[in-house]
Protein backbone atom coordinates (compact mmCIF):
# COMPACT_ATOMS: atom_id res chain seq x y z
CA MET A 1 0.00 0.00 0.00
CA LYS A 2 1.47 3.35 -1.01
CA CYS A 3 0.15 6.67 0.26
CA ASN A 4 1.37 10.21 -0.07
CA LEU A 5 0.44 13.20 2.10
CA LYS A 6 -2.36 11.35 3.90
CA PRO A 7 -2.34 8.53 6.45
CA CYS A 8 -2.68 5.01 5.01
CA VAL A 9 -4.57 2.60 7.20
CA ALA A 10 -5.09 -1.15 7.37
CA VAL A 11 -6.50 -3.57 9.91
CA VAL A 12 -5.13 -7.10 9.90
CA LEU A 13 -7.60 -9.75 10.99
CA LEU A 14 -6.26 -12.99 12.45
CA ALA A 15 -8.40 -16.12 12.57
CA VAL A 16 -9.13 -18.52 15.39
CA ALA A 17 -11.43 -21.51 14.89
CA VAL A 18 -12.98 -23.09 17.96
CA PRO A 19 -14.09 -26.72 17.40
CA ALA A 20 -17.58 -27.61 18.49
CA LEU A 21 -18.33 -30.34 20.99
CA GLY A 22 -20.19 -32.13 18.18
CA ALA A 23 -18.72 -33.40 14.94
CA SER A 24 -18.66 -30.13 12.92
CA VAL A 25 -15.57 -27.96 12.62
CA CYS A 26 -15.51 -24.49 11.05
CA THR A 27 -12.41 -22.69 9.81
CA ILE A 28 -11.89 -19.31 8.22
CA GLN A 29 -10.71 -20.01 4.68
CA SER A 30 -10.41 -16.47 3.37
CA LEU A 31 -9.70 -13.59 5.72
CA PRO A 32 -9.53 -10.03 4.44
CA THR A 33 -7.27 -7.22 5.51
CA LEU A 34 -9.46 -4.17 5.92
CA GLY A 35 -7.52 -1.69 3.81
CA PHE A 36 -9.01 1.74 4.35
CA PRO A 37 -8.54 4.44 1.73
CA SER A 38 -6.22 7.27 2.74
CA TYR A 39 -7.58 9.19 5.70
CA ASP A 40 -7.92 12.96 5.27
CA VAL A 41 -8.56 15.05 8.39
CA PHE A 42 -10.19 17.76 6.25
CA VAL A 43 -12.92 15.49 4.85
CA GLY A 44 -16.09 15.72 6.93
CA ALA A 45 -17.38 12.25 6.06
CA PRO A 46 -16.31 8.95 7.67
CA THR A 47 -13.65 6.87 5.92
CA VAL A 48 -15.11 3.42 5.29
CA THR A 49 -14.08 0.05 3.91
CA SER A 50 -15.40 -3.49 3.72
CA GLY A 51 -14.16 -7.01 3.16
CA ILE A 52 -15.44 -10.57 3.05
CA ALA A 53 -14.36 -13.60 5.08
CA THR A 54 -15.15 -17.11 3.81
CA ILE A 55 -15.90 -19.72 6.46
CA HIS A 56 -15.83 -23.45 5.66
CA CYS A 57 -17.53 -26.01 7.90
CA THR A 58 -16.93 -29.77 7.72
CA GLY A 59 -18.07 -32.80 9.66
CA SER A 60 -21.06 -35.03 10.09
CA GLY A 61 -22.93 -32.88 12.62
CA SER A 62 -25.57 -30.44 11.50
CA LEU A 63 -24.62 -26.80 11.76
CA PRO A 64 -27.57 -24.48 11.05
CA SER A 65 -25.83 -21.52 12.69
CA PHE A 66 -22.62 -20.39 14.34
CA THR A 67 -21.18 -17.16 15.72
CA VAL A 68 -18.28 -15.07 14.48
CA GLY A 69 -16.61 -12.81 17.02
CA MET A 70 -14.26 -9.85 16.62
CA GLY A 71 -11.80 -9.34 19.46
CA GLN A 72 -10.22 -6.24 20.85
CA SER A 73 -7.76 -3.96 19.15
CA ALA A 74 -4.13 -4.97 19.72
CA THR A 75 -3.28 -1.25 19.90
CA SER A 76 -5.93 -0.07 22.39
CA ASN A 77 -6.89 -3.37 24.10
CA SER A 78 -10.52 -2.35 23.59
CA ILE A 79 -13.44 -3.36 21.40
CA SER A 80 -15.53 -0.21 21.69
CA GLY A 81 -12.47 2.03 21.34
CA ARG A 82 -10.39 0.26 18.69
CA GLN A 83 -7.35 2.20 17.47
CA MET A 84 -4.71 1.86 14.78
CA ALA A 85 -1.13 2.82 15.53
CA GLU A 86 1.21 4.66 13.22
CA SER A 87 3.83 2.23 11.89
CA GLY A 88 7.45 2.56 12.92
CA LEU A 89 8.31 4.86 15.79
CA GLY A 90 5.38 7.21 15.21
CA THR A 91 2.99 8.01 18.04
CA GLY A 92 -0.07 8.75 15.89
CA ARG A 93 -3.36 6.95 16.58
CA LEU A 94 -6.56 6.69 14.57
CA ASN A 95 -9.83 5.64 16.20
CA TYR A 96 -11.88 3.19 14.12
CA ASN A 97 -14.24 0.30 14.55
CA ILE A 98 -15.58 -2.86 12.93
CA TYR A 99 -19.30 -3.35 12.34
CA LYS A 100 -21.72 -6.14 11.50
CA ASP A 101 -23.68 -3.99 9.05
CA GLY A 102 -23.06 -1.54 6.23
CA GLY A 103 -24.98 1.15 8.12
CA TYR A 104 -22.24 1.07 10.80
CA SER A 105 -24.76 0.85 13.63
CA ASN A 106 -24.00 -2.61 15.09
CA LEU A 107 -20.56 -2.78 16.70
CA TRP A 108 -19.00 -6.22 16.16
CA GLY A 109 -17.49 -7.78 19.25
CA ASP A 110 -16.89 -11.11 20.92
CA GLY A 111 -19.53 -11.12 23.63
CA THR A 112 -17.50 -9.11 26.16
CA ALA A 113 -17.87 -5.49 27.25
CA GLY A 114 -21.51 -5.35 26.16
CA THR A 115 -20.75 -6.40 22.56
CA THR A 116 -22.20 -9.27 20.58
CA PRO A 117 -20.76 -11.60 17.96
CA LEU A 118 -22.39 -12.02 14.56
CA VAL A 119 -24.82 -14.94 14.34
CA VAL A 120 -24.53 -16.64 10.94
CA THR A 121 -27.14 -19.05 9.56
CA THR A 122 -25.85 -21.41 6.91
CA SER A 123 -27.29 -24.01 4.57
CA GLY A 124 -24.03 -25.37 3.19
CA PRO A 125 -20.34 -25.89 3.93
CA ASN A 126 -19.16 -22.46 2.69
CA THR A 127 -20.44 -19.16 4.00
CA THR A 128 -19.30 -15.62 3.23
CA VAL A 129 -19.39 -13.01 5.97
CA PRO A 130 -19.15 -9.29 5.14
CA ILE A 131 -16.99 -7.10 7.40
CA TYR A 132 -17.40 -3.32 7.60
CA GLY A 133 -14.87 -0.81 8.96
CA LYS A 134 -15.22 2.91 9.69
CA ILE A 135 -12.89 5.72 10.79
CA ASP A 136 -14.81 8.71 12.15
CA PRO A 137 -13.94 12.12 10.65
CA GLY A 138 -12.17 14.99 12.39
CA GLN A 139 -9.21 13.13 13.90
CA ASP A 140 -5.95 15.06 13.81
CA ALA A 141 -3.58 12.27 12.78
CA PRO A 142 -0.06 12.67 11.41
CA VAL A 143 0.64 11.49 7.87
CA GLY A 144 1.84 7.90 7.93
CA ASN A 145 0.91 4.24 7.68
CA TYR A 146 -1.41 2.93 10.37
CA LYS A 147 -2.29 -0.62 11.34
CA ASP A 148 -3.92 -2.75 13.99
CA THR A 149 -4.56 -6.44 14.57
CA VAL A 150 -7.90 -7.95 15.62
CA ILE A 151 -8.63 -11.64 16.21
CA MET A 152 -11.70 -13.04 14.44
CA SER A 153 -13.13 -16.24 15.97
CA VAL A 154 -15.62 -18.83 14.73
CA ASN A 155 -17.68 -20.64 17.37
CA PRO A 156 -19.97 -23.41 16.08
């Protein structure tokens, strides 16, 4: 990712699959990096992005639904106050969050701190899950590359 004059931002999602007590096992086959467009402090609208994770379930047990959780920010150790850190020795921070919907109204968490995971209903072995990210406007962030890591978990 190359950016000039504006901060570049990306959130790296790591996957964790939790096997069920039954015979079905779900794994995240395709996990996106949420690559935000360049953030500009002078733009009054939020900076948004989206991605898609593909989850594959196998086994002989039936699996009509499962949950997908998003953990806390590695930078801020918070779900409701996720932050990206400026790469290198920079001290810049950008507040952002991950949502379950494209309207950015349902914060995606892991069941802690008043958050909820996404409940996914499936009818086959492969399911796609959309992921939405948003940086609120008006943050005075230095120009640079920003990143954070969040753990995504699948719980059948």
